[in-house]
PDB file of N, CA and C in Angstrom:
ATOM      1  N   MET A   1      73.478  84.065  97.587  1.00  0.00           N
ATOM      2  CA  MET A   1      74.004  83.348  98.498  1.00  0.00           C
ATOM      3  C   MET A   1      75.384  83.354  99.179  1.00  0.00           C
ATOM      4  N   GLN A   2      75.944  83.813 100.086  1.00  0.00           N
ATOM      5  CA  GLN A   2      77.174  83.920 100.637  1.00  0.00           C
ATOM      6  C   GLN A   2      77.890  82.529 100.738  1.00  0.00           C
ATOM      7  N   GLN A   3      79.223  82.536 100.637  1.00  0.00           N
ATOM      8  CA  GLN A   3      79.935  81.464 100.830  1.00  0.00           C
ATOM      9  C   GLN A   3      81.358  81.717 101.496  1.00  0.00           C
ATOM     10  N   THR A   4      81.949  81.023 102.309  1.00  0.00           N
ATOM     11  CA  THR A   4      83.329  81.226 102.806  1.00  0.00           C
ATOM     12  C   THR A   4      84.527  80.429 102.038  1.00  0.00           C
ATOM     13  N   ILE A   5      85.445  80.925 101.792  1.00  0.00           N
ATOM     14  CA  ILE A   5      86.772  80.206 101.324  1.00  0.00           C
ATOM     15  C   ILE A   5      88.024  80.558 102.075  1.00  0.00           C
ATOM     16  N   SER A   6      88.923  79.515 101.879  1.00  0.00           N
ATOM     17  CA  SER A   6      90.183  79.665 102.524  1.00  0.00           C
ATOM     18  C   SER A   6      90.903  80.142 101.170  1.00  0.00           C
ATOM     19  N   ILE A   7      92.046  81.104 101.432  1.00  0.00           N
ATOM     20  CA  ILE A   7      92.920  81.496 100.312  1.00  0.00           C
ATOM     21  C   ILE A   7      94.433  81.216 100.989  1.00  0.00           C
ATOM     22  N   ILE A   8      95.212  80.460 100.413  1.00  0.00           N
ATOM     23  CA  ILE A   8      96.576  80.272 101.006  1.00  0.00           C
ATOM     24  C   ILE A   8      97.476  80.983  99.780  1.00  0.00           C
ATOM     25  N   ILE A   9      98.465  82.125  99.976  1.00  0.00           N
ATOM     26  CA  ILE A   9      99.003  82.782  99.057  1.00  0.00           C
ATOM     27  C   ILE A   9     100.491  82.274  99.459  1.00  0.00           C
ATOM     28  N   THR A  10     101.208  81.998  98.325  1.00  0.00           N
ATOM     29  CA  THR A  10     102.698  81.512  98.753  1.00  0.00           C
ATOM     30  C   THR A  10     103.509  82.601  97.677  1.00  0.00           C
ATOM     31  N   GLY A  11     104.775  82.504  97.941  1.00  0.00           N
ATOM     32  CA  GLY A  11     105.544  83.513  97.382  1.00  0.00           C
ATOM     33  C   GLY A  11     106.294  84.334  98.434  1.00  0.00           C
ATOM     34  N   LYS A  12     106.637  85.425  97.743  1.00  0.00           N
ATOM     35  CA  LYS A  12     106.961  86.808  98.652  1.00  0.00           C
ATOM     36  C   LYS A  12     106.022  87.499  99.043  1.00  0.00           C
ATOM     37  N   VAL A  13     105.206  87.012 100.233  1.00  0.00           N
ATOM     38  CA  VAL A  13     103.887  87.663 100.426  1.00  0.00           C
ATOM     39  C   VAL A  13     103.855  88.197 101.958  1.00  0.00           C
ATOM     40  N   GLN A  14     105.161  88.009 102.421  1.00  0.00           N
ATOM     41  CA  GLN A  14     105.196  88.592 103.833  1.00  0.00           C
ATOM     42  C   GLN A  14     106.494  89.935 104.006  1.00  0.00           C
ATOM     43  N   GLY A  15     105.853  90.983 104.616  1.00  0.00           N
ATOM     44  CA  GLY A  15     106.932  91.872 104.746  1.00  0.00           C
ATOM     45  C   GLY A  15     106.423  92.802 103.742  1.00  0.00           C
ATOM     46  N   VAL A  16     105.656  92.805 102.778  1.00  0.00           N
ATOM     47  CA  VAL A  16     105.154  93.605 101.592  1.00  0.00           C
ATOM     48  C   VAL A  16     103.838  94.169 101.640  1.00  0.00           C
ATOM     49  N   PHE A  17     103.546  94.246 102.964  1.00  0.00           N
ATOM     50  CA  PHE A  17     101.901  94.908 103.118  1.00  0.00           C
ATOM     51  C   PHE A  17     100.825  93.906 102.715  1.00  0.00           C
ATOM     52  N   TYR A  18     101.267  92.716 102.423  1.00  0.00           N
ATOM     53  CA  TYR A  18      99.986  91.782 101.946  1.00  0.00           C
ATOM     54  C   TYR A  18      98.626  91.960 102.484  1.00  0.00           C
ATOM     55  N   ARG A  19      99.072  91.802 103.934  1.00  0.00           N
ATOM     56  CA  ARG A  19      97.760  91.635 104.920  1.00  0.00           C
ATOM     57  C   ARG A  19      96.906  93.015 104.750  1.00  0.00           C
ATOM     58  N   GLN A  20      97.504  94.030 104.757  1.00  0.00           N
ATOM     59  CA  GLN A  20      96.918  95.334 104.937  1.00  0.00           C
ATOM     60  C   GLN A  20      96.360  95.684 103.527  1.00  0.00           C
ATOM     61  N   SER A  21      97.033  95.218 102.443  1.00  0.00           N
ATOM     62  CA  SER A  21      96.400  95.730 101.208  1.00  0.00           C
ATOM     63  C   SER A  21      95.147  94.609 100.934  1.00  0.00           C
ATOM     64  N   ALA A  22      95.462  93.205 101.320  1.00  0.00           N
ATOM     65  CA  ALA A  22      94.243  92.304 101.532  1.00  0.00           C
ATOM     66  C   ALA A  22      93.083  92.792 102.028  1.00  0.00           C
ATOM     67  N   LYS A  23      93.190  93.283 103.319  1.00  0.00           N
ATOM     68  CA  LYS A  23      92.043  93.967 104.208  1.00  0.00           C
ATOM     69  C   LYS A  23      91.512  95.067 103.480  1.00  0.00           C
ATOM     70  N   GLU A  24      92.324  96.068 102.767  1.00  0.00           N
ATOM     71  CA  GLU A  24      91.472  97.377 102.140  1.00  0.00           C
ATOM     72  C   GLU A  24      90.867  96.785 100.955  1.00  0.00           C
ATOM     73  N   LYS A  25      91.204  95.781 100.172  1.00  0.00           N
ATOM     74  CA  LYS A  25      90.621  95.164  98.899  1.00  0.00           C
ATOM     75  C   LYS A  25      89.380  94.487  99.301  1.00  0.00           C
ATOM     76  N   ALA A  26      89.392  93.685 100.434  1.00  0.00           N
ATOM     77  CA  ALA A  26      88.369  93.067 100.914  1.00  0.00           C
ATOM     78  C   ALA A  26      87.011  94.138 101.434  1.00  0.00           C
ATOM     79  N   MET A  27      87.470  95.110 102.024  1.00  0.00           N
ATOM     80  CA  MET A  27      86.687  96.029 102.238  1.00  0.00           C
ATOM     81  C   MET A  27      86.000  96.500 101.360  1.00  0.00           C
ATOM     82  N   GLN A  28      86.970  97.163 100.449  1.00  0.00           N
ATOM     83  CA  GLN A  28      86.228  97.776  99.176  1.00  0.00           C
ATOM     84  C   GLN A  28      85.007  97.003  98.582  1.00  0.00           C
ATOM     85  N   LEU A  29      85.419  95.538  98.530  1.00  0.00           N
ATOM     86  CA  LEU A  29      84.267  94.802  98.117  1.00  0.00           C
ATOM     87  C   LEU A  29      83.426  94.435  98.996  1.00  0.00           C
ATOM     88  N   GLY A  30      83.413  94.800 100.194  1.00  0.00           N
ATOM     89  CA  GLY A  30      82.361  94.473 101.058  1.00  0.00           C
ATOM     90  C   GLY A  30      82.209  93.277 101.739  1.00  0.00           C
ATOM     91  N   LEU A  31      83.643  92.437 101.578  1.00  0.00           N
ATOM     92  CA  LEU A  31      83.556  91.114 102.197  1.00  0.00           C
ATOM     93  C   LEU A  31      84.112  91.035 103.553  1.00  0.00           C
ATOM     94  N   THR A  32      83.918  90.087 104.269  1.00  0.00           N
ATOM     95  CA  THR A  32      84.301  89.768 105.651  1.00  0.00           C
ATOM     96  C   THR A  32      85.304  88.628 105.758  1.00  0.00           C
ATOM     97  N   GLY A  33      86.131  88.696 107.094  1.00  0.00           N
ATOM     98  CA  GLY A  33      86.703  87.553 106.993  1.00  0.00           C
ATOM     99  C   GLY A  33      88.050  87.868 107.949  1.00  0.00           C
ATOM    100  N   GLN A  34      89.287  87.318 107.734  1.00  0.00           N
ATOM    101  CA  GLN A  34      90.383  87.650 108.467  1.00  0.00           C
ATOM    102  C   GLN A  34      91.604  87.119 107.556  1.00  0.00           C
ATOM    103  N   VAL A  35      93.031  87.965 107.869  1.00  0.00           N
ATOM    104  CA  VAL A  35      94.272  87.364 107.166  1.00  0.00           C
ATOM    105  C   VAL A  35      95.089  87.253 108.190  1.00  0.00           C
ATOM    106  N   ASN A  36      96.036  86.458 108.115  1.00  0.00           N
ATOM    107  CA  ASN A  36      97.094  86.224 108.990  1.00  0.00           C
ATOM    108  C   ASN A  36      98.209  85.552 108.150  1.00  0.00           C
ATOM    109  N   ASN A  37      99.487  85.783 108.652  1.00  0.00           N
ATOM    110  CA  ASN A  37     100.948  85.286 108.175  1.00  0.00           C
ATOM    111  C   ASN A  37     100.858  83.933 108.627  1.00  0.00           C
ATOM    112  N   LEU A  38     101.254  82.770 107.821  1.00  0.00           N
ATOM    113  CA  LEU A  38     101.900  81.588 108.369  1.00  0.00           C
ATOM    114  C   LEU A  38     103.075  81.454 108.761  1.00  0.00           C
ATOM    115  N   HIS A  39     103.556  80.570 109.819  1.00  0.00           N
ATOM    116  CA  HIS A  39     104.990  80.227 110.093  1.00  0.00           C
ATOM    117  C   HIS A  39     105.844  79.892 108.620  1.00  0.00           C
ATOM    118  N   ASP A  40     105.505  79.376 107.654  1.00  0.00           N
ATOM    119  CA  ASP A  40     106.164  78.758 106.292  1.00  0.00           C
ATOM    120  C   ASP A  40     106.304  80.093 105.597  1.00  0.00           C
ATOM    121  N   GLY A  41     105.907  81.465 105.821  1.00  0.00           N
ATOM    122  CA  GLY A  41     106.229  82.378 104.953  1.00  0.00           C
ATOM    123  C   GLY A  41     104.993  82.579 104.417  1.00  0.00           C
ATOM    124  N   SER A  42     103.932  81.972 104.143  1.00  0.00           N
ATOM    125  CA  SER A  42     102.733  82.204 103.294  1.00  0.00           C
ATOM    126  C   SER A  42     101.665  83.018 104.199  1.00  0.00           C
ATOM    127  N   VAL A  43     100.775  83.549 103.269  1.00  0.00           N
ATOM    128  CA  VAL A  43      99.645  84.120 103.904  1.00  0.00           C
ATOM    129  C   VAL A  43      98.174  83.271 103.720  1.00  0.00           C
ATOM    130  N   GLN A  44      97.270  83.461 105.101  1.00  0.00           N
ATOM    131  CA  GLN A  44      95.969  82.763 104.589  1.00  0.00           C
ATOM    132  C   GLN A  44      95.169  83.659 104.926  1.00  0.00           C
ATOM    133  N   ILE A  45      93.910  83.403 104.234  1.00  0.00           N
ATOM    134  CA  ILE A  45      92.853  84.439 104.028  1.00  0.00           C
ATOM    135  C   ILE A  45      91.813  83.600 104.279  1.00  0.00           C
ATOM    136  N   LEU A  46      90.895  83.755 105.234  1.00  0.00           N
ATOM    137  CA  LEU A  46      89.525  83.281 105.374  1.00  0.00           C
ATOM    138  C   LEU A  46      88.422  84.412 104.692  1.00  0.00           C
ATOM    139  N   VAL A  47      87.623  84.357 103.978  1.00  0.00           N
ATOM    140  CA  VAL A  47      86.857  85.336 103.829  1.00  0.00           C
ATOM    141  C   VAL A  47      85.497  84.875 103.142  1.00  0.00           C
ATOM    142  N   THR A  48      84.505  85.642 103.508  1.00  0.00           N
ATOM    143  CA  THR A  48      83.124  85.404 103.267  1.00  0.00           C
ATOM    144  C   THR A  48      82.375  86.402 102.394  1.00  0.00           C
ATOM    145  N   GLY A  49      81.739  85.871 101.323  1.00  0.00           N
ATOM    146  CA  GLY A  49      80.944  87.097 100.537  1.00  0.00           C
ATOM    147  C   GLY A  49      79.909  86.228  99.483  1.00  0.00           C
ATOM    148  N   VAL A  50      79.717  86.930  98.451  1.00  0.00           N
ATOM    149  CA  VAL A  50      78.770  86.243  97.314  1.00  0.00           C
ATOM    150  C   VAL A  50      79.932  86.004  96.373  1.00  0.00           C
ATOM    151  N   PRO A  51      79.457  84.859  95.536  1.00  0.00           N
ATOM    152  CA  PRO A  51      80.491  84.203  94.894  1.00  0.00           C
ATOM    153  C   PRO A  51      81.282  85.363  94.005  1.00  0.00           C
ATOM    154  N   GLY A  52      80.661  86.189  93.290  1.00  0.00           N
ATOM    155  CA  GLY A  52      81.148  86.977  92.112  1.00  0.00           C
ATOM    156  C   GLY A  52      82.310  87.997  93.041  1.00  0.00           C
ATOM    157  N   LEU A  53      81.743  88.299  94.051  1.00  0.00           N
ATOM    158  CA  LEU A  53      83.081  89.315  94.614  1.00  0.00           C
ATOM    159  C   LEU A  53      84.220  88.523  95.117  1.00  0.00           C
ATOM    160  N   LEU A  54      83.972  87.176  95.633  1.00  0.00           N
ATOM    161  CA  LEU A  54      84.887  86.477  96.110  1.00  0.00           C
ATOM    162  C   LEU A  54      85.716  86.124  94.816  1.00  0.00           C
ATOM    163  N   LYS A  55      85.357  86.035  93.869  1.00  0.00           N
ATOM    164  CA  LYS A  55      85.983  85.828  92.444  1.00  0.00           C
ATOM    165  C   LYS A  55      87.121  86.904  91.962  1.00  0.00           C
ATOM    166  N   LEU A  56      86.429  88.260  92.368  1.00  0.00           N
ATOM    167  CA  LEU A  56      87.341  89.325  91.967  1.00  0.00           C
ATOM    168  C   LEU A  56      88.473  89.504  92.941  1.00  0.00           C
ATOM    169  N   PHE A  57      88.000  89.071  94.487  1.00  0.00           N
ATOM    170  CA  PHE A  57      89.039  89.306  95.407  1.00  0.00           C
ATOM    171  C   PHE A  57      90.271  88.314  95.071  1.00  0.00           C
ATOM    172  N   THR A  58      89.807  86.800  94.610  1.00  0.00           N
ATOM    173  CA  THR A  58      91.009  85.830  94.492  1.00  0.00           C
ATOM    174  C   THR A  58      91.512  86.071  93.255  1.00  0.00           C
ATOM    175  N   GLU A  59      90.945  86.694  92.212  1.00  0.00           N
ATOM    176  CA  GLU A  59      91.880  87.393  91.072  1.00  0.00           C
ATOM    177  C   GLU A  59      92.922  88.513  91.686  1.00  0.00           C
ATOM    178  N   TRP A  60      92.522  89.288  92.667  1.00  0.00           N
ATOM    179  CA  TRP A  60      93.652  90.285  93.040  1.00  0.00           C
ATOM    180  C   TRP A  60      94.714  89.628  94.027  1.00  0.00           C
ATOM    181  N   CYS A  61      94.234  88.597  94.852  1.00  0.00           N
ATOM    182  CA  CYS A  61      95.413  87.877  95.507  1.00  0.00           C
ATOM    183  C   CYS A  61      96.413  87.322  94.628  1.00  0.00           C
ATOM    184  N   LYS A  62      95.984  86.806  93.361  1.00  0.00           N
ATOM    185  CA  LYS A  62      96.841  86.409  92.368  1.00  0.00           C
ATOM    186  C   LYS A  62      98.006  87.390  92.061  1.00  0.00           C
ATOM    187  N   LYS A  63      97.799  88.433  92.601  1.00  0.00           N
ATOM    188  CA  LYS A  63      98.714  89.736  92.175  1.00  0.00           C
ATOM    189  C   LYS A  63      99.245  90.224  93.390  1.00  0.00           C
ATOM    190  N   GLY A  64      98.284  90.573  94.295  1.00  0.00           N
ATOM    191  CA  GLY A  64      98.763  91.109  95.551  1.00  0.00           C
ATOM    192  C   GLY A  64      99.153  92.604  95.400  1.00  0.00           C
ATOM    193  N   PRO A  65      99.714  93.425  96.460  1.00  0.00           N
ATOM    194  CA  PRO A  65     100.211  94.796  96.196  1.00  0.00           C
ATOM    195  C   PRO A  65     101.434  94.695  95.594  1.00  0.00           C
ATOM    196  N   PRO A  66     101.904  95.726  95.318  1.00  0.00           N
ATOM    197  CA  PRO A  66     103.022  96.001  94.230  1.00  0.00           C
ATOM    198  C   PRO A  66     104.357  95.399  94.609  1.00  0.00           C
ATOM    199  N   ARG A  67     104.458  95.419  95.811  1.00  0.00           N
ATOM    200  CA  ARG A  67     106.215  94.600  96.011  1.00  0.00           C
ATOM    201  C   ARG A  67     105.881  93.122  96.354  1.00  0.00           C
ATOM    202  N   ALA A  68     104.817  92.467  96.483  1.00  0.00           N
ATOM    203  CA  ALA A  68     104.613  90.988  96.196  1.00  0.00           C
ATOM    204  C   ALA A  68     105.044  90.297  95.145  1.00  0.00           C
ATOM    205  N   VAL A  69     105.458  89.033  95.537  1.00  0.00           N
ATOM    206  CA  VAL A  69     105.758  88.112  94.146  1.00  0.00           C
ATOM    207  C   VAL A  69     105.019  86.846  94.729  1.00  0.00           C
ATOM    208  N   VAL A  70     103.871  86.760  94.129  1.00  0.00           N
ATOM    209  CA  VAL A  70     102.819  85.727  94.350  1.00  0.00           C
ATOM    210  C   VAL A  70     103.316  84.542  93.510  1.00  0.00           C
ATOM    211  N   ALA A  71     103.717  83.314  94.084  1.00  0.00           N
ATOM    212  CA  ALA A  71     104.063  82.035  93.489  1.00  0.00           C
ATOM    213  C   ALA A  71     102.568  81.127  93.246  1.00  0.00           C
ATOM    214  N   GLY A  72     102.016  81.338  94.224  1.00  0.00           N
ATOM    215  CA  GLY A  72     100.743  80.013  94.092  1.00  0.00           C
ATOM    216  C   GLY A  72      99.632  80.707  94.836  1.00  0.00           C
ATOM    217  N   VAL A  73      98.465  80.114  94.498  1.00  0.00           N
ATOM    218  CA  VAL A  73      97.171  80.727  95.281  1.00  0.00           C
ATOM    219  C   VAL A  73      96.435  79.688  95.267  1.00  0.00           C
ATOM    220  N   GLU A  74      96.212  78.836  96.582  1.00  0.00           N
ATOM    221  CA  GLU A  74      95.121  77.693  96.640  1.00  0.00           C
ATOM    222  C   GLU A  74      94.107  78.143  97.263  1.00  0.00           C
ATOM    223  N   ILE A  75      92.899  77.619  96.733  1.00  0.00           N
ATOM    224  CA  ILE A  75      91.525  78.166  97.251  1.00  0.00           C
ATOM    225  C   ILE A  75      90.678  76.897  97.310  1.00  0.00           C
ATOM    226  N   LEU A  76      90.066  77.005  98.724  1.00  0.00           N
ATOM    227  CA  LEU A  76      89.358  75.790  99.256  1.00  0.00           C
ATOM    228  C   LEU A  76      87.988  76.322  99.832  1.00  0.00           C
ATOM    229  N   GLU A  77      86.880  75.816  99.367  1.00  0.00           N
ATOM    230  CA  GLU A  77      85.857  76.218  99.768  1.00  0.00           C
ATOM    231  C   GLU A  77      85.222  75.522 101.327  1.00  0.00           C
ATOM    232  N   LEU A  78      84.870  76.477 102.370  1.00  0.00           N
ATOM    233  CA  LEU A  78      84.666  75.886 103.724  1.00  0.00           C
ATOM    234  C   LEU A  78      83.005  76.286 103.941  1.00  0.00           C
ATOM    235  N   PRO A  79      82.631  75.444 105.028  1.00  0.00           N
ATOM    236  CA  PRO A  79      81.465  75.790 105.438  1.00  0.00           C
ATOM    237  C   PRO A  79      81.145  77.387 106.018  1.00  0.00           C
ATOM    238  N   LEU A  80      80.018  77.749 105.669  1.00  0.00           N
ATOM    239  CA  LEU A  80      79.905  79.247 105.960  1.00  0.00           C
ATOM    240  C   LEU A  80      80.125  79.474 107.095  1.00  0.00           C
ATOM    241  N   LYS A  81      81.226  80.649 107.217  1.00  0.00           N
ATOM    242  CA  LYS A  81      81.458  81.340 108.492  1.00  0.00           C
ATOM    243  C   LYS A  81      81.222  82.582 108.436  1.00  0.00           C
ATOM    244  N   GLN A  82      80.488  82.988 109.515  1.00  0.00           N
ATOM    245  CA  GLN A  82      80.206  84.771 109.561  1.00  0.00           C
ATOM    246  C   GLN A  82      81.148  85.375 110.404  1.00  0.00           C
ATOM    247  N   PHE A  83      81.621  86.555 109.991  1.00  0.00           N
ATOM    248  CA  PHE A  83      82.835  87.371 110.380  1.00  0.00           C
ATOM    249  C   PHE A  83      81.881  88.859 110.504  1.00  0.00           C
ATOM    250  N   GLU A  84      82.381  89.652 111.527  1.00  0.00           N
ATOM    251  CA  GLU A  84      81.491  90.893 111.796  1.00  0.00           C
ATOM    252  C   GLU A  84      82.257  92.103 110.750  1.00  0.00           C
ATOM    253  N   HIS A  85      83.477  91.664 110.605  1.00  0.00           N
ATOM    254  CA  HIS A  85      84.154  92.586 109.644  1.00  0.00           C
ATOM    255  C   HIS A  85      85.509  92.037 109.192  1.00  0.00           C
ATOM    256  N   PHE A  86      86.438  92.456 108.272  1.00  0.00           N
ATOM    257  CA  PHE A  86      87.268  91.881 107.848  1.00  0.00           C
ATOM    258  C   PHE A  86      88.752  92.479 108.671  1.00  0.00           C
ATOM    259  N   THR A  87      89.493  91.362 109.397  1.00  0.00           N
ATOM    260  CA  THR A  87      90.578  91.913 110.427  1.00  0.00           C
ATOM    261  C   THR A  87      92.046  91.294 110.067  1.00  0.00           C
ATOM    262  N   ILE A  88      93.197  91.809 110.442  1.00  0.00           N
ATOM    263  CA  ILE A  88      94.499  91.363 110.411  1.00  0.00           C
ATOM    264  C   ILE A  88      94.510  90.545 111.664  1.00  0.00           C
ATOM    265  N   VAL A  89      94.879  89.416 111.570  1.00  0.00           N
ATOM    266  CA  VAL A  89      95.254  88.426 112.957  1.00  0.00           C
ATOM    267  C   VAL A  89      96.708  88.585 112.961  1.00  0.00           C
ATOM    268  N   ARG A  90      97.188  89.094 113.954  1.00  0.00           N
ATOM    269  CA  ARG A  90      98.811  89.325 114.386  1.00  0.00           C
ATOM    270  C   ARG A  90      99.009  88.181 115.207  1.00  0.00           C
ATOM    271  N   PHE A  91     100.392  87.541 115.125  1.00  0.00           N
ATOM    272  CA  PHE A  91     100.880  86.516 116.090  1.00  0.00           C
ATOM    273  C   PHE A  91     100.799  87.060 117.493  1.00  0.00           C
TER     274      PHE A  91
END
């Protein structure tokens, strides 16, 4: 059964290819959703998938791509939301 979660990642996560890397990881795991930069310097991901794959994805988010310095990861379960694929939302 699928579920949707929101992930807020704080730290040095903008300007380090976090969004692109998150998209690649999500697609590799077969997850759908979206990722965007927030004005406070954090990154938000809304992602839908089965719990086991979401856990693998959230573990990846705690490290991120090589140039990222993740200070915190906040995960919140949301009502199920269907996405067609995984996209990067740009300002």
